[in-house]
């Protein structure tokens, strides 16, 4: 598995844990970093994972507003937790991280949806991230 793929998966796990525990994502990231230093069984948290989590945390309110605005028929609270976290991760990386091609970001997040969510989730995640890709220049400025 490629390093960025692993980093995305770990970032997703951190966002998911944050959502489930109801604590700030930076708190969970700090927990993961502390455990990685003290527990050999804990997977490492690489720089790109930290970049994704910190980036999401910086734009959290805006990202949630975008998801709520463009997910027709779904509020954030009604979405499966996995989908909500994947969309948050994908929206951040797609809109604010220019190092990875948009198609790669969308594909990788859709693959995570296939692995961790429902049968309907990959098409939902793909469609919403595709919409964000189309609107990307205006979304970043907003």
N, C-alpha and C. Protein backbone atom coordinates (compact mmCIF):
# COMPACT_ATOMS: atom_id res chain seq x y z
N UNK A 1 0.85 -1.18 0.00
CA UNK A 1 0.00 0.00 0.00
C UNK A 1 0.89 1.24 0.00
N UNK A 2 0.60 2.18 -0.87
CA UNK A 2 1.39 3.39 -1.00
C UNK A 2 1.32 4.23 0.28
N UNK A 3 2.36 5.03 0.50
CA UNK A 3 2.45 5.84 1.71
C UNK A 3 1.28 6.81 1.85
N UNK A 4 0.90 7.46 0.77
CA UNK A 4 -0.22 8.41 0.83
C UNK A 4 -1.54 7.70 1.10
N UNK A 5 -1.68 6.51 0.56
CA UNK A 5 -2.90 5.72 0.81
C UNK A 5 -3.00 5.38 2.29
N UNK A 6 -1.90 4.95 2.88
CA UNK A 6 -1.87 4.66 4.31
C UNK A 6 -2.15 5.91 5.13
N UNK A 7 -1.56 7.03 4.71
CA UNK A 7 -1.75 8.29 5.43
C UNK A 7 -3.22 8.70 5.41
N UNK A 8 -3.87 8.56 4.26
CA UNK A 8 -5.30 8.88 4.14
C UNK A 8 -6.14 7.98 5.04
N UNK A 9 -5.81 6.71 5.04
CA UNK A 9 -6.57 5.75 5.85
C UNK A 9 -6.42 6.09 7.33
N UNK A 10 -5.23 6.43 7.77
CA UNK A 10 -5.02 6.80 9.17
C UNK A 10 -5.74 8.11 9.50
N UNK A 11 -5.70 9.07 8.58
CA UNK A 11 -6.41 10.33 8.80
C UNK A 11 -7.91 10.06 8.94
N UNK A 12 -8.44 9.20 8.08
CA UNK A 12 -9.85 8.82 8.18
C UNK A 12 -10.14 8.20 9.54
N UNK A 13 -9.27 7.31 10.01
CA UNK A 13 -9.48 6.66 11.30
C UNK A 13 -9.49 7.68 12.44
N UNK A 14 -8.63 8.68 12.34
CA UNK A 14 -8.58 9.72 13.37
C UNK A 14 -9.85 10.56 13.33
N UNK A 15 -10.30 10.95 12.13
CA UNK A 15 -11.55 11.71 12.02
C UNK A 15 -12.73 10.89 12.54
N UNK A 16 -12.75 9.60 12.21
CA UNK A 16 -13.82 8.72 12.67
C UNK A 16 -13.84 8.63 14.20
N UNK A 17 -12.68 8.42 14.78
CA UNK A 17 -12.59 8.33 16.24
C UNK A 17 -13.05 9.63 16.89
N UNK A 18 -12.64 10.75 16.33
CA UNK A 18 -13.05 12.05 16.85
C UNK A 18 -14.57 12.19 16.83
N UNK A 19 -15.17 11.80 15.72
CA UNK A 19 -16.62 11.89 15.58
C UNK A 19 -17.30 10.98 16.61
N UNK A 20 -16.82 9.76 16.74
CA UNK A 20 -17.42 8.79 17.66
C UNK A 20 -17.27 9.20 19.13
N UNK A 21 -16.12 9.73 19.46
CA UNK A 21 -15.88 10.12 20.86
C UNK A 21 -16.45 11.49 21.19
N UNK A 22 -16.75 12.28 20.15
CA UNK A 22 -17.26 13.62 20.37
C UNK A 22 -16.22 14.58 20.93
N UNK A 23 -14.97 14.36 20.51
CA UNK A 23 -13.88 15.23 20.96
C UNK A 23 -13.21 15.86 19.74
N UNK A 24 -12.53 16.97 19.93
CA UNK A 24 -11.87 17.62 18.80
C UNK A 24 -10.87 16.69 18.10
N UNK A 25 -10.78 16.84 16.81
CA UNK A 25 -9.91 15.97 16.01
C UNK A 25 -8.44 16.13 16.41
N UNK A 26 -8.06 17.32 16.81
CA UNK A 26 -6.67 17.53 17.24
C UNK A 26 -6.36 16.77 18.53
N UNK A 27 -7.35 16.58 19.38
CA UNK A 27 -7.17 15.79 20.60
C UNK A 27 -6.88 14.33 20.25
N UNK A 28 -7.64 13.81 19.32
CA UNK A 28 -7.43 12.43 18.89
C UNK A 28 -6.07 12.29 18.21
N UNK A 29 -5.71 13.24 17.38
CA UNK A 29 -4.39 13.21 16.73
C UNK A 29 -3.29 13.19 17.79
N UNK A 30 -3.40 14.01 18.80
CA UNK A 30 -2.39 14.03 19.88
C UNK A 30 -2.34 12.68 20.60
N UNK A 31 -3.50 12.07 20.81
CA UNK A 31 -3.53 10.74 21.43
C UNK A 31 -2.80 9.72 20.56
N UNK A 32 -3.07 9.75 19.26
CA UNK A 32 -2.42 8.81 18.34
C UNK A 32 -0.91 9.03 18.34
N UNK A 33 -0.48 10.27 18.33
CA UNK A 33 0.97 10.56 18.32
C UNK A 33 1.62 10.06 19.61
N UNK A 34 0.97 10.29 20.73
CA UNK A 34 1.51 9.85 22.02
C UNK A 34 1.60 8.32 22.06
N UNK A 35 0.54 7.64 21.61
CA UNK A 35 0.55 6.18 21.62
C UNK A 35 1.59 5.61 20.65
N UNK A 36 1.79 6.26 19.54
CA UNK A 36 2.78 5.79 18.56
C UNK A 36 4.19 5.84 19.14
N UNK A 37 4.44 6.80 20.03
CA UNK A 37 5.76 6.92 20.66
C UNK A 37 5.96 5.89 21.77
N UNK A 38 4.87 5.45 22.40
CA UNK A 38 5.00 4.59 23.58
C UNK A 38 4.56 3.15 23.36
N UNK A 39 3.91 2.85 22.25
CA UNK A 39 3.36 1.52 22.03
C UNK A 39 3.79 1.03 20.64
N UNK A 40 4.61 -0.02 20.61
CA UNK A 40 5.12 -0.54 19.35
C UNK A 40 4.01 -1.09 18.45
N UNK A 41 2.87 -1.44 19.04
CA UNK A 41 1.76 -1.99 18.25
C UNK A 41 0.93 -0.91 17.57
N UNK A 42 1.06 0.32 18.03
CA UNK A 42 0.30 1.43 17.46
C UNK A 42 0.93 1.84 16.12
N UNK A 43 0.13 1.93 15.05
CA UNK A 43 0.71 2.32 13.76
C UNK A 43 1.24 3.76 13.82
N UNK A 44 2.31 4.02 13.08
CA UNK A 44 2.87 5.38 13.09
C UNK A 44 1.93 6.38 12.42
N UNK A 45 2.10 7.61 12.80
CA UNK A 45 1.34 8.71 12.20
C UNK A 45 2.35 9.52 11.40
N UNK A 46 2.27 9.42 10.08
CA UNK A 46 3.28 10.12 9.27
C UNK A 46 2.89 11.58 9.04
N UNK A 47 3.79 12.30 8.40
CA UNK A 47 3.58 13.74 8.20
C UNK A 47 2.34 14.04 7.37
N UNK A 48 2.07 13.24 6.35
CA UNK A 48 0.91 13.53 5.51
C UNK A 48 -0.39 13.29 6.28
N UNK A 49 -0.42 12.29 7.14
CA UNK A 49 -1.60 12.09 8.00
C UNK A 49 -1.82 13.33 8.86
N UNK A 50 -0.76 13.81 9.48
CA UNK A 50 -0.87 15.01 10.32
C UNK A 50 -1.32 16.21 9.49
N UNK A 51 -0.79 16.35 8.29
CA UNK A 51 -1.16 17.46 7.41
C UNK A 51 -2.65 17.40 7.07
N UNK A 52 -3.16 16.21 6.77
CA UNK A 52 -4.58 16.06 6.44
C UNK A 52 -5.47 16.37 7.64
N UNK A 53 -5.11 15.84 8.79
CA UNK A 53 -5.93 16.05 9.99
C UNK A 53 -5.89 17.52 10.41
N UNK A 54 -4.71 18.10 10.45
CA UNK A 54 -4.59 19.52 10.82
C UNK A 54 -5.31 20.41 9.81
N UNK A 55 -5.18 20.08 8.54
CA UNK A 55 -5.87 20.86 7.51
C UNK A 55 -7.37 20.80 7.66
N UNK A 56 -7.87 19.59 7.90
CA UNK A 56 -9.31 19.46 8.13
C UNK A 56 -9.72 20.29 9.35
N UNK A 57 -8.96 20.18 10.44
CA UNK A 57 -9.30 20.90 11.67
C UNK A 57 -9.34 22.42 11.42
N UNK A 58 -8.43 22.90 10.59
CA UNK A 58 -8.38 24.34 10.29
C UNK A 58 -9.62 24.80 9.51
N UNK A 59 -10.15 23.95 8.66
CA UNK A 59 -11.28 24.32 7.80
C UNK A 59 -12.57 23.59 8.17
N UNK A 60 -12.62 23.00 9.35
CA UNK A 60 -13.72 22.12 9.77
C UNK A 60 -15.10 22.73 9.57
N UNK A 61 -15.31 23.90 10.04
CA UNK A 61 -16.63 24.53 9.96
C UNK A 61 -17.04 24.74 8.50
N UNK A 62 -16.12 25.23 7.70
CA UNK A 62 -16.41 25.49 6.29
C UNK A 62 -16.69 24.18 5.55
N UNK A 63 -15.91 23.16 5.83
CA UNK A 63 -16.11 21.86 5.17
C UNK A 63 -17.48 21.29 5.52
N UNK A 64 -17.85 21.35 6.78
CA UNK A 64 -19.16 20.83 7.17
C UNK A 64 -20.30 21.63 6.52
N UNK A 65 -20.11 22.93 6.38
CA UNK A 65 -21.12 23.74 5.69
C UNK A 65 -21.23 23.32 4.22
N UNK A 66 -20.10 23.09 3.57
CA UNK A 66 -20.11 22.66 2.17
C UNK A 66 -20.82 21.32 2.01
N UNK A 67 -20.50 20.38 2.87
CA UNK A 67 -21.12 19.06 2.78
C UNK A 67 -22.62 19.19 3.00
N UNK A 68 -23.02 19.96 3.99
CA UNK A 68 -24.44 20.17 4.26
C UNK A 68 -25.17 20.85 3.12
N UNK A 69 -24.49 21.79 2.47
CA UNK A 69 -25.10 22.54 1.37
C UNK A 69 -25.27 21.69 0.13
N UNK A 70 -24.27 20.90 -0.22
CA UNK A 70 -24.27 20.19 -1.50
C UNK A 70 -24.74 18.74 -1.43
N UNK A 71 -24.95 18.20 -0.26
CA UNK A 71 -25.44 16.82 -0.18
C UNK A 71 -26.97 16.85 -0.17
N UNK A 72 -27.53 16.81 -1.33
CA UNK A 72 -28.97 16.93 -1.52
C UNK A 72 -29.71 15.81 -0.77
N UNK A 73 -30.63 16.21 0.08
CA UNK A 73 -31.43 15.25 0.80
C UNK A 73 -30.78 14.64 2.03
N UNK A 74 -29.55 15.05 2.33
CA UNK A 74 -28.85 14.49 3.49
C UNK A 74 -28.30 15.61 4.35
N UNK A 75 -28.59 15.57 5.63
CA UNK A 75 -27.92 16.47 6.56
C UNK A 75 -26.71 15.72 7.12
N UNK A 76 -25.78 16.43 7.66
CA UNK A 76 -24.61 15.79 8.26
C UNK A 76 -25.02 14.79 9.33
N UNK A 77 -25.99 15.13 10.13
CA UNK A 77 -26.41 14.26 11.22
C UNK A 77 -27.05 12.97 10.73
N UNK A 78 -27.66 12.99 9.55
CA UNK A 78 -28.32 11.80 9.01
C UNK A 78 -27.37 10.87 8.28
N UNK A 79 -26.23 11.39 7.87
CA UNK A 79 -25.27 10.57 7.12
C UNK A 79 -24.65 9.51 8.01
N UNK A 80 -24.33 8.36 7.42
CA UNK A 80 -23.52 7.40 8.18
C UNK A 80 -22.20 8.06 8.60
N UNK A 81 -21.76 7.76 9.79
CA UNK A 81 -20.54 8.37 10.32
C UNK A 81 -19.36 8.17 9.38
N UNK A 82 -19.23 6.98 8.81
CA UNK A 82 -18.12 6.69 7.91
C UNK A 82 -18.17 7.64 6.71
N UNK A 83 -19.33 7.79 6.10
CA UNK A 83 -19.46 8.66 4.94
C UNK A 83 -19.14 10.10 5.30
N UNK A 84 -19.65 10.55 6.42
CA UNK A 84 -19.40 11.92 6.87
C UNK A 84 -17.90 12.17 7.02
N UNK A 85 -17.20 11.23 7.65
CA UNK A 85 -15.76 11.40 7.87
C UNK A 85 -14.97 11.32 6.56
N UNK A 86 -15.37 10.41 5.68
CA UNK A 86 -14.70 10.32 4.38
C UNK A 86 -14.91 11.59 3.56
N UNK A 87 -16.12 12.13 3.59
CA UNK A 87 -16.38 13.37 2.86
C UNK A 87 -15.59 14.53 3.43
N UNK A 88 -15.46 14.58 4.73
CA UNK A 88 -14.66 15.63 5.36
C UNK A 88 -13.21 15.54 4.92
N UNK A 89 -12.67 14.35 4.97
CA UNK A 89 -11.28 14.13 4.55
C UNK A 89 -11.11 14.47 3.07
N UNK A 90 -11.98 13.92 2.24
CA UNK A 90 -11.88 14.14 0.80
C UNK A 90 -12.07 15.59 0.42
N UNK A 91 -13.02 16.26 1.06
CA UNK A 91 -13.25 17.68 0.76
C UNK A 91 -12.02 18.50 1.10
N UNK A 92 -11.43 18.26 2.26
CA UNK A 92 -10.23 19.02 2.61
C UNK A 92 -9.12 18.80 1.58
N UNK A 93 -8.82 17.55 1.32
CA UNK A 93 -7.69 17.26 0.43
C UNK A 93 -7.96 17.77 -0.99
N UNK A 94 -9.17 17.61 -1.45
CA UNK A 94 -9.53 18.02 -2.80
C UNK A 94 -9.45 19.54 -2.97
N UNK A 95 -9.95 20.27 -1.99
CA UNK A 95 -10.05 21.73 -2.12
C UNK A 95 -8.76 22.44 -1.74
N UNK A 96 -8.05 21.97 -0.72
CA UNK A 96 -6.90 22.74 -0.21
C UNK A 96 -5.54 22.11 -0.45
N UNK A 97 -5.46 20.85 -0.80
CA UNK A 97 -4.17 20.22 -1.05
C UNK A 97 -3.97 20.07 -2.56
N UNK A 98 -2.99 20.76 -3.11
CA UNK A 98 -2.79 20.74 -4.55
C UNK A 98 -1.75 19.72 -5.02
N UNK A 99 -1.09 19.04 -4.08
CA UNK A 99 -0.02 18.10 -4.46
C UNK A 99 -0.55 16.85 -5.15
N UNK A 100 -1.75 16.43 -4.79
CA UNK A 100 -2.30 15.20 -5.34
C UNK A 100 -3.37 15.54 -6.37
N UNK A 101 -3.33 14.89 -7.53
CA UNK A 101 -4.36 15.16 -8.54
C UNK A 101 -5.76 14.87 -8.00
N UNK A 102 -6.71 15.70 -8.41
CA UNK A 102 -8.09 15.56 -7.93
C UNK A 102 -8.64 14.15 -8.14
N UNK A 103 -8.38 13.58 -9.30
CA UNK A 103 -8.91 12.24 -9.60
C UNK A 103 -8.37 11.20 -8.63
N UNK A 104 -7.14 11.35 -8.22
CA UNK A 104 -6.53 10.41 -7.26
C UNK A 104 -7.20 10.55 -5.90
N UNK A 105 -7.41 11.78 -5.46
CA UNK A 105 -8.07 12.02 -4.17
C UNK A 105 -9.44 11.36 -4.18
N UNK A 106 -10.23 11.63 -5.21
CA UNK A 106 -11.58 11.09 -5.28
C UNK A 106 -11.54 9.57 -5.31
N UNK A 107 -10.68 9.00 -6.14
CA UNK A 107 -10.59 7.55 -6.24
C UNK A 107 -10.22 6.91 -4.91
N UNK A 108 -9.25 7.48 -4.22
CA UNK A 108 -8.80 6.90 -2.95
C UNK A 108 -9.88 6.98 -1.88
N UNK A 109 -10.60 8.08 -1.83
CA UNK A 109 -11.66 8.21 -0.83
C UNK A 109 -12.81 7.27 -1.17
N UNK A 110 -13.11 7.11 -2.44
CA UNK A 110 -14.15 6.16 -2.86
C UNK A 110 -13.73 4.74 -2.48
N UNK A 111 -12.46 4.41 -2.64
CA UNK A 111 -11.97 3.08 -2.24
C UNK A 111 -12.16 2.85 -0.74
N UNK A 112 -11.91 3.89 0.05
CA UNK A 112 -12.14 3.77 1.49
C UNK A 112 -13.63 3.56 1.79
N UNK A 113 -14.49 4.22 1.02
CA UNK A 113 -15.93 4.03 1.19
C UNK A 113 -16.31 2.58 0.87
N UNK A 114 -15.70 2.02 -0.17
CA UNK A 114 -15.97 0.62 -0.52
C UNK A 114 -15.53 -0.31 0.60
N UNK A 115 -14.42 0.02 1.23
CA UNK A 115 -13.87 -0.83 2.28
C UNK A 115 -14.63 -0.71 3.61
N UNK A 116 -15.07 0.50 3.95
CA UNK A 116 -15.59 0.73 5.30
C UNK A 116 -17.07 1.05 5.40
N UNK A 117 -17.75 1.31 4.29
CA UNK A 117 -19.13 1.78 4.40
C UNK A 117 -20.11 0.88 3.65
N UNK A 118 -21.28 1.40 3.39
CA UNK A 118 -22.36 0.63 2.78
C UNK A 118 -22.17 0.49 1.27
N UNK A 119 -22.98 -0.34 0.65
CA UNK A 119 -22.92 -0.54 -0.80
C UNK A 119 -23.25 0.74 -1.57
N UNK A 120 -24.10 1.59 -1.01
CA UNK A 120 -24.48 2.83 -1.68
C UNK A 120 -23.50 3.97 -1.47
N UNK A 121 -22.64 3.83 -0.51
CA UNK A 121 -21.74 4.93 -0.13
C UNK A 121 -20.73 5.34 -1.19
N UNK A 122 -20.09 4.40 -1.89
CA UNK A 122 -19.10 4.84 -2.88
C UNK A 122 -19.67 5.78 -3.94
N UNK A 123 -20.86 5.52 -4.43
CA UNK A 123 -21.43 6.41 -5.45
C UNK A 123 -21.82 7.76 -4.84
N UNK A 124 -22.31 7.75 -3.61
CA UNK A 124 -22.65 8.99 -2.92
C UNK A 124 -21.40 9.85 -2.71
N UNK A 125 -20.36 9.24 -2.18
CA UNK A 125 -19.10 9.94 -1.92
C UNK A 125 -18.50 10.44 -3.24
N UNK A 126 -18.49 9.60 -4.26
CA UNK A 126 -17.96 9.98 -5.57
C UNK A 126 -18.71 11.18 -6.14
N UNK A 127 -20.03 11.13 -6.07
CA UNK A 127 -20.84 12.21 -6.62
C UNK A 127 -20.61 13.54 -5.92
N UNK A 128 -20.57 13.52 -4.60
CA UNK A 128 -20.39 14.76 -3.87
C UNK A 128 -18.97 15.32 -4.03
N UNK A 129 -17.97 14.46 -3.99
CA UNK A 129 -16.60 14.95 -4.21
C UNK A 129 -16.42 15.42 -5.65
N UNK A 130 -17.09 14.78 -6.60
CA UNK A 130 -17.05 15.25 -7.98
C UNK A 130 -17.63 16.64 -8.11
N UNK A 131 -18.70 16.91 -7.39
CA UNK A 131 -19.30 18.25 -7.38
C UNK A 131 -18.33 19.26 -6.80
N UNK A 132 -17.66 18.90 -5.71
CA UNK A 132 -16.67 19.79 -5.11
C UNK A 132 -15.53 20.07 -6.09
N UNK A 133 -15.14 19.06 -6.84
CA UNK A 133 -14.07 19.24 -7.83
C UNK A 133 -14.49 20.29 -8.87
N UNK A 134 -15.72 20.21 -9.34
CA UNK A 134 -16.23 21.18 -10.32
C UNK A 134 -16.25 22.59 -9.76
N UNK A 135 -16.59 22.72 -8.49
CA UNK A 135 -16.75 24.03 -7.86
C UNK A 135 -15.50 24.50 -7.12
N UNK A 136 -14.44 23.74 -7.19
CA UNK A 136 -13.23 23.95 -6.39
C UNK A 136 -12.72 25.38 -6.32
N UNK A 137 -12.55 26.09 -7.43
CA UNK A 137 -12.00 27.45 -7.31
C UNK A 137 -12.83 28.37 -6.42
N UNK A 138 -14.14 28.29 -6.54
CA UNK A 138 -15.00 29.13 -5.71
C UNK A 138 -15.09 28.65 -4.28
N UNK A 139 -14.96 27.36 -4.05
CA UNK A 139 -15.07 26.83 -2.70
C UNK A 139 -13.87 27.22 -1.85
N UNK A 140 -12.71 27.27 -2.45
CA UNK A 140 -11.51 27.61 -1.70
C UNK A 140 -11.56 29.06 -1.23
N UNK A 141 -12.09 29.94 -2.06
CA UNK A 141 -12.15 31.36 -1.72
C UNK A 141 -13.21 31.64 -0.66
N UNK A 142 -14.26 30.87 -0.67
CA UNK A 142 -15.40 31.15 0.22
C UNK A 142 -15.04 31.07 1.68
